[in-house]
Every structure is written in structure tokens, then in C-alpha cells.
Amino acid sequence: GYNFLQTVVFSFASAVGYGFALILFTGIREQMEVSSIPDFMKGTAIGLLTAGLISLSFFGFAGIGE
């Protein structure tokens, strides 16, 4: 239901947001490399936990525009 200009802006903003999320997660993973993390949480477990916490923090912004 978007016109051409709205589609272009939405596409660009989506790409920027996705790129920002990738850069943010990369920075966090780099920080985890130098941190002391218990052996049972290393690897996928800490990555999924971190991704879940980041998604919860972004979910808090969902109600701002309403």
C-alpha cells in the first residue's frame, strides 16, 4: 500500500536498521571474546542470550510512536 517514494524510504531505512543491528551485535561479540564467560555459556548460548536481551531492549521502543 505504499507509493514509490514511501517504498524507497522504507527500503533504505530497513537496510540501515539491519546494518546497525549487525554492527551492534558484532561489537558485542568482540567484547565477549575478551570477557571472562563461564564455560557452559560460551558460544551459541551466550550469543542467543545476548540477542534476546537486545531484542527486548528494542521492543521497548515499539510503544513510543503510539
PDB file of N, CA and C in Angstrom:
ATOM      1  N   GLY A   1       0.783  -1.186   0.000  1.00  0.00           N
ATOM      2  CA  GLY A   1       0.000   0.000   0.000  1.00  0.00           C
ATOM      3  C   GLY A   1       0.836   1.266   0.000  1.00  0.00           C
ATOM      4  N   TYR A   2       2.133   1.176  -0.284  1.00  0.00           N
ATOM      5  CA  TYR A   2       2.981   2.363  -0.315  1.00  0.00           C
ATOM      6  C   TYR A   2       3.119   2.869  -1.749  1.00  0.00           C
ATOM      7  N   ASN A   3       3.312   4.180  -1.875  1.00  0.00           N
ATOM      8  CA  ASN A   3       3.660   4.702  -3.195  1.00  0.00           C
ATOM      9  C   ASN A   3       5.162   4.517  -3.410  1.00  0.00           C
ATOM     10  N   PHE A   4       5.682   4.975  -4.547  1.00  0.00           N
ATOM     11  CA  PHE A   4       7.079   4.719  -4.887  1.00  0.00           C
ATOM     12  C   PHE A   4       8.033   5.370  -3.896  1.00  0.00           C
ATOM     13  N   LEU A   5       7.817   6.616  -3.535  1.00  0.00           N
ATOM     14  CA  LEU A   5       8.719   7.317  -2.620  1.00  0.00           C
ATOM     15  C   LEU A   5       8.719   6.667  -1.236  1.00  0.00           C
ATOM     16  N   GLN A   6       7.564   6.307  -0.742  1.00  0.00           N
ATOM     17  CA  GLN A   6       7.481   5.641   0.553  1.00  0.00           C
ATOM     18  C   GLN A   6       8.194   4.288   0.528  1.00  0.00           C
ATOM     19  N   THR A   7       8.090   3.573  -0.581  1.00  0.00           N
ATOM     20  CA  THR A   7       8.763   2.292  -0.719  1.00  0.00           C
ATOM     21  C   THR A   7      10.275   2.457  -0.700  1.00  0.00           C
ATOM     22  N   VAL A   8      10.788   3.478  -1.384  1.00  0.00           N
ATOM     23  CA  VAL A   8      12.224   3.720  -1.407  1.00  0.00           C
ATOM     24  C   VAL A   8      12.724   4.095  -0.016  1.00  0.00           C
ATOM     25  N   VAL A   9      12.016   4.969   0.666  1.00  0.00           N
ATOM     26  CA  VAL A   9      12.423   5.392   2.012  1.00  0.00           C
ATOM     27  C   VAL A   9      12.358   4.212   2.981  1.00  0.00           C
ATOM     28  N   PHE A  10      11.303   3.428   2.905  1.00  0.00           N
ATOM     29  CA  PHE A  10      11.167   2.269   3.782  1.00  0.00           C
ATOM     30  C   PHE A  10      12.286   1.255   3.534  1.00  0.00           C
ATOM     31  N   SER A  11      12.599   1.011   2.274  1.00  0.00           N
ATOM     32  CA  SER A  11      13.663   0.066   1.935  1.00  0.00           C
ATOM     33  C   SER A  11      15.006   0.553   2.449  1.00  0.00           C
ATOM     34  N   PHE A  12      15.303   1.823   2.260  1.00  0.00           N
ATOM     35  CA  PHE A  12      16.572   2.375   2.733  1.00  0.00           C
ATOM     36  C   PHE A  12      16.653   2.318   4.255  1.00  0.00           C
ATOM     37  N   ALA A  13      15.588   2.693   4.944  1.00  0.00           N
ATOM     38  CA  ALA A  13      15.581   2.678   6.401  1.00  0.00           C
ATOM     39  C   ALA A  13      15.706   1.249   6.940  1.00  0.00           C
ATOM     40  N   SER A  14      15.100   0.299   6.269  1.00  0.00           N
ATOM     41  CA  SER A  14      15.228  -1.100   6.692  1.00  0.00           C
ATOM     42  C   SER A  14      16.664  -1.581   6.555  1.00  0.00           C
ATOM     43  N   ALA A  15      17.308  -1.221   5.455  1.00  0.00           N
ATOM     44  CA  ALA A  15      18.697  -1.620   5.250  1.00  0.00           C
ATOM     45  C   ALA A  15      19.610  -0.977   6.289  1.00  0.00           C
ATOM     46  N   VAL A  16      19.388   0.285   6.613  1.00  0.00           N
ATOM     47  CA  VAL A  16      20.202   0.967   7.616  1.00  0.00           C
ATOM     48  C   VAL A  16      19.983   0.336   8.990  1.00  0.00           C
ATOM     49  N   GLY A  17      18.755   0.030   9.327  1.00  0.00           N
ATOM     50  CA  GLY A  17      18.460  -0.600  10.615  1.00  0.00           C
ATOM     51  C   GLY A  17      19.075  -1.982  10.733  1.00  0.00           C
ATOM     52  N   TYR A  18      19.009  -2.753   9.669  1.00  0.00           N
ATOM     53  CA  TYR A  18      19.610  -4.080   9.674  1.00  0.00           C
ATOM     54  C   TYR A  18      21.122  -3.972   9.809  1.00  0.00           C
ATOM     55  N   GLY A  19      21.712  -3.046   9.099  1.00  0.00           N
ATOM     56  CA  GLY A  19      23.152  -2.828   9.206  1.00  0.00           C
ATOM     57  C   GLY A  19      23.560  -2.400  10.600  1.00  0.00           C
ATOM     58  N   PHE A  20      22.773  -1.535  11.205  1.00  0.00           N
ATOM     59  CA  PHE A  20      23.045  -1.097  12.578  1.00  0.00           C
ATOM     60  C   PHE A  20      22.988  -2.272  13.546  1.00  0.00           C
ATOM     61  N   ALA A  21      22.005  -3.132  13.379  1.00  0.00           N
ATOM     62  CA  ALA A  21      21.888  -4.299  14.255  1.00  0.00           C
ATOM     63  C   ALA A  21      23.091  -5.232  14.085  1.00  0.00           C
ATOM     64  N   LEU A  22      23.557  -5.423  12.853  1.00  0.00           N
ATOM     65  CA  LEU A  22      24.722  -6.265  12.618  1.00  0.00           C
ATOM     66  C   LEU A  22      25.976  -5.676  13.250  1.00  0.00           C
ATOM     67  N   ILE A  23      26.161  -4.381  13.106  1.00  0.00           N
ATOM     68  CA  ILE A  23      27.327  -3.719  13.694  1.00  0.00           C
ATOM     69  C   ILE A  23      27.269  -3.787  15.215  1.00  0.00           C
ATOM     70  N   LEU A  24      26.095  -3.570  15.784  1.00  0.00           N
ATOM     71  CA  LEU A  24      25.933  -3.644  17.236  1.00  0.00           C
ATOM     72  C   LEU A  24      26.249  -5.038  17.752  1.00  0.00           C
ATOM     73  N   PHE A  25      25.719  -6.057  17.093  1.00  0.00           N
ATOM     74  CA  PHE A  25      25.940  -7.422  17.547  1.00  0.00           C
ATOM     75  C   PHE A  25      27.395  -7.840  17.360  1.00  0.00           C
ATOM     76  N   THR A  26      28.035  -7.361  16.296  1.00  0.00           N
ATOM     77  CA  THR A  26      29.453  -7.653  16.086  1.00  0.00           C
ATOM     78  C   THR A  26      30.303  -7.051  17.193  1.00  0.00           C
ATOM     79  N   GLY A  27      30.003  -5.833  17.580  1.00  0.00           N
ATOM     80  CA  GLY A  27      30.730  -5.195  18.671  1.00  0.00           C
ATOM     81  C   GLY A  27      30.569  -5.932  19.981  1.00  0.00           C
ATOM     82  N   ILE A  28      29.370  -6.413  20.233  1.00  0.00           N
ATOM     83  CA  ILE A  28      29.118  -7.158  21.472  1.00  0.00           C
ATOM     84  C   ILE A  28      29.867  -8.490  21.450  1.00  0.00           C
ATOM     85  N   ARG A  29      29.881  -9.161  20.297  1.00  0.00           N
ATOM     86  CA  ARG A  29      30.617 -10.433  20.202  1.00  0.00           C
ATOM     87  C   ARG A  29      32.117 -10.221  20.372  1.00  0.00           C
ATOM     88  N   GLU A  30      32.639  -9.117  19.865  1.00  0.00           N
ATOM     89  CA  GLU A  30      34.053  -8.809  20.068  1.00  0.00           C
ATOM     90  C   GLU A  30      34.343  -8.583  21.552  1.00  0.00           C
ATOM     91  N   GLN A  31      33.442  -7.916  22.232  1.00  0.00           N
ATOM     92  CA  GLN A  31      33.610  -7.678  23.667  1.00  0.00           C
ATOM     93  C   GLN A  31      33.539  -8.993  24.442  1.00  0.00           C
ATOM     94  N   MET A  32      32.704  -9.919  23.992  1.00  0.00           N
ATOM     95  CA  MET A  32      32.601 -11.211  24.674  1.00  0.00           C
ATOM     96  C   MET A  32      33.872 -12.039  24.501  1.00  0.00           C
ATOM     97  N   GLU A  33      34.615 -11.807  23.429  1.00  0.00           N
ATOM     98  CA  GLU A  33      35.861 -12.544  23.206  1.00  0.00           C
ATOM     99  C   GLU A  33      36.896 -12.241  24.291  1.00  0.00           C
ATOM    100  N   VAL A  34      36.911 -11.017  24.797  1.00  0.00           N
ATOM    101  CA  VAL A  34      37.910 -10.629  25.794  1.00  0.00           C
ATOM    102  C   VAL A  34      37.374 -10.715  27.223  1.00  0.00           C
ATOM    103  N   SER A  35      36.091 -11.003  27.381  1.00  0.00           N
ATOM    104  CA  SER A  35      35.491 -11.106  28.713  1.00  0.00           C
ATOM    105  C   SER A  35      35.623 -12.533  29.241  1.00  0.00           C
ATOM    106  N   SER A  36      35.551 -12.647  30.544  1.00  0.00           N
ATOM    107  CA  SER A  36      35.568 -13.989  31.137  1.00  0.00           C
ATOM    108  C   SER A  36      34.137 -14.483  31.260  1.00  0.00           C
ATOM    109  N   ILE A  37      33.815 -15.488  30.482  1.00  0.00           N
ATOM    110  CA  ILE A  37      32.477 -16.068  30.444  1.00  0.00           C
ATOM    111  C   ILE A  37      32.610 -17.522  30.911  1.00  0.00           C
ATOM    112  N   PRO A  38      31.703 -17.996  31.765  1.00  0.00           N
ATOM    113  CA  PRO A  38      31.772 -19.403  32.194  1.00  0.00           C
ATOM    114  C   PRO A  38      31.732 -20.354  30.990  1.00  0.00           C
ATOM    115  N   ASP A  39      32.379 -21.481  31.124  1.00  0.00           N
ATOM    116  CA  ASP A  39      32.496 -22.433  30.010  1.00  0.00           C
ATOM    117  C   ASP A  39      31.144 -22.899  29.474  1.00  0.00           C
ATOM    118  N   PHE A  40      30.168 -23.092  30.346  1.00  0.00           N
ATOM    119  CA  PHE A  40      28.876 -23.603  29.877  1.00  0.00           C
ATOM    120  C   PHE A  40      28.076 -22.561  29.094  1.00  0.00           C
ATOM    121  N   MET A  41      28.476 -21.284  29.155  1.00  0.00           N
ATOM    122  CA  MET A  41      27.759 -20.230  28.431  1.00  0.00           C
ATOM    123  C   MET A  41      28.475 -19.784  27.158  1.00  0.00           C
ATOM    124  N   LYS A  42      29.657 -20.295  26.883  1.00  0.00           N
ATOM    125  CA  LYS A  42      30.416 -19.856  25.715  1.00  0.00           C
ATOM    126  C   LYS A  42      29.771 -20.350  24.427  1.00  0.00           C
ATOM    127  N   GLY A  43      29.968 -19.589  23.367  1.00  0.00           N
ATOM    128  CA  GLY A  43      29.491 -19.998  22.047  1.00  0.00           C
ATOM    129  C   GLY A  43      28.065 -19.564  21.786  1.00  0.00           C
ATOM    130  N   THR A  44      27.262 -20.511  21.328  1.00  0.00           N
ATOM    131  CA  THR A  44      25.894 -20.220  20.912  1.00  0.00           C
ATOM    132  C   THR A  44      25.017 -19.763  22.074  1.00  0.00           C
ATOM    133  N   ALA A  45      25.219 -20.322  23.245  1.00  0.00           N
ATOM    134  CA  ALA A  45      24.355 -19.993  24.385  1.00  0.00           C
ATOM    135  C   ALA A  45      24.422 -18.508  24.726  1.00  0.00           C
ATOM    136  N   ILE A  46      25.609 -17.956  24.849  1.00  0.00           N
ATOM    137  CA  ILE A  46      25.725 -16.539  25.189  1.00  0.00           C
ATOM    138  C   ILE A  46      25.281 -15.663  24.026  1.00  0.00           C
ATOM    139  N   GLY A  47      25.477 -16.135  22.793  1.00  0.00           N
ATOM    140  CA  GLY A  47      25.020 -15.384  21.626  1.00  0.00           C
ATOM    141  C   GLY A  47      23.507 -15.265  21.583  1.00  0.00           C
ATOM    142  N   LEU A  48      22.815 -16.364  21.856  1.00  0.00           N
ATOM    143  CA  LEU A  48      21.352 -16.324  21.872  1.00  0.00           C
ATOM    144  C   LEU A  48      20.819 -15.499  23.037  1.00  0.00           C
ATOM    145  N   LEU A  49      21.458 -15.597  24.172  1.00  0.00           N
ATOM    146  CA  LEU A  49      21.051 -14.803  25.326  1.00  0.00           C
ATOM    147  C   LEU A  49      21.226 -13.313  25.037  1.00  0.00           C
ATOM    148  N   THR A  50      22.338 -12.957  24.445  1.00  0.00           N
ATOM    149  CA  THR A  50      22.594 -11.560  24.101  1.00  0.00           C
ATOM    150  C   THR A  50      21.602 -11.057  23.063  1.00  0.00           C
ATOM    151  N   ALA A  51      21.332 -11.862  22.050  1.00  0.00           N
ATOM    152  CA  ALA A  51      20.365 -11.463  21.026  1.00  0.00           C
ATOM    153  C   ALA A  51      18.976 -11.260  21.632  1.00  0.00           C
ATOM    154  N   GLY A  52      18.600 -12.115  22.567  1.00  0.00           N
ATOM    155  CA  GLY A  52      17.304 -11.962  23.231  1.00  0.00           C
ATOM    156  C   GLY A  52      17.216 -10.686  24.047  1.00  0.00           C
ATOM    157  N   LEU A  53      18.285 -10.358  24.760  1.00  0.00           N
ATOM    158  CA  LEU A  53      18.292  -9.124  25.555  1.00  0.00           C
ATOM    159  C   LEU A  53      18.271  -7.887  24.666  1.00  0.00           C
ATOM    160  N   ILE A  54      18.981  -7.934  23.555  1.00  0.00           N
ATOM    161  CA  ILE A  54      18.963  -6.798  22.622  1.00  0.00           C
ATOM    162  C   ILE A  54      17.573  -6.629  22.020  1.00  0.00           C
ATOM    163  N   SER A  55      16.931  -7.741  21.662  1.00  0.00           N
ATOM    164  CA  SER A  55      15.589  -7.638  21.085  1.00  0.00           C
ATOM    165  C   SER A  55      14.594  -7.084  22.106  1.00  0.00           C
ATOM    166  N   LEU A  56      14.751  -7.441  23.373  1.00  0.00           N
ATOM    167  CA  LEU A  56      13.873  -6.875  24.399  1.00  0.00           C
ATOM    168  C   LEU A  56      14.089  -5.373  24.559  1.00  0.00           C
ATOM    169  N   SER A  57      15.333  -4.941  24.442  1.00  0.00           N
ATOM    170  CA  SER A  57      15.584  -3.520  24.572  1.00  0.00           C
ATOM    171  C   SER A  57      14.993  -2.736  23.401  1.00  0.00           C
ATOM    172  N   PHE A  58      15.078  -3.292  22.182  1.00  0.00           N
ATOM    173  CA  PHE A  58      14.460  -2.628  21.036  1.00  0.00           C
ATOM    174  C   PHE A  58      12.945  -2.718  21.081  1.00  0.00           C
ATOM    175  N   PHE A  59      12.416  -3.757  21.689  1.00  0.00           N
ATOM    176  CA  PHE A  59      10.955  -3.902  21.802  1.00  0.00           C
ATOM    177  C   PHE A  59      10.369  -2.786  22.657  1.00  0.00           C
ATOM    178  N   GLY A  60      11.160  -2.223  23.565  1.00  0.00           N
ATOM    179  CA  GLY A  60      10.700  -1.125  24.402  1.00  0.00           C
ATOM    180  C   GLY A  60      10.395   0.131  23.605  1.00  0.00           C
ATOM    181  N   PHE A  61      11.028   0.274  22.433  1.00  0.00           N
ATOM    182  CA  PHE A  61      10.764   1.435  21.589  1.00  0.00           C
ATOM    183  C   PHE A  61       9.467   1.314  20.795  1.00  0.00           C
ATOM    184  N   ALA A  62       8.829   0.159  20.786  1.00  0.00           N
ATOM    185  CA  ALA A  62       7.657  -0.077  19.956  1.00  0.00           C
ATOM    186  C   ALA A  62       6.474   0.826  20.344  1.00  0.00           C
ATOM    187  N   GLY A  63       6.311   1.129  21.606  1.00  0.00           N
ATOM    188  CA  GLY A  63       5.164   1.912  22.043  1.00  0.00           C
ATOM    189  C   GLY A  63       5.386   3.416  22.028  1.00  0.00           C
ATOM    190  N   ILE A  64       6.562   3.874  21.637  1.00  0.00           N
ATOM    191  CA  ILE A  64       6.849   5.305  21.699  1.00  0.00           C
ATOM    192  C   ILE A  64       6.028   6.095  20.695  1.00  0.00           C
ATOM    193  N   GLY A  65       5.853   5.564  19.490  1.00  0.00           N
ATOM    194  CA  GLY A  65       5.165   6.306  18.431  1.00  0.00           C
ATOM    195  C   GLY A  65       3.658   6.319  18.554  1.00  0.00           C
ATOM    196  N   GLU A  66       3.113   5.566  19.457  1.00  0.00           N
ATOM    197  CA  GLU A  66       1.637   5.467  19.528  1.00  0.00           C
ATOM    198  C   GLU A  66       1.046   6.442  20.501  1.00  0.00           C
TER     199      GLU A  66
END
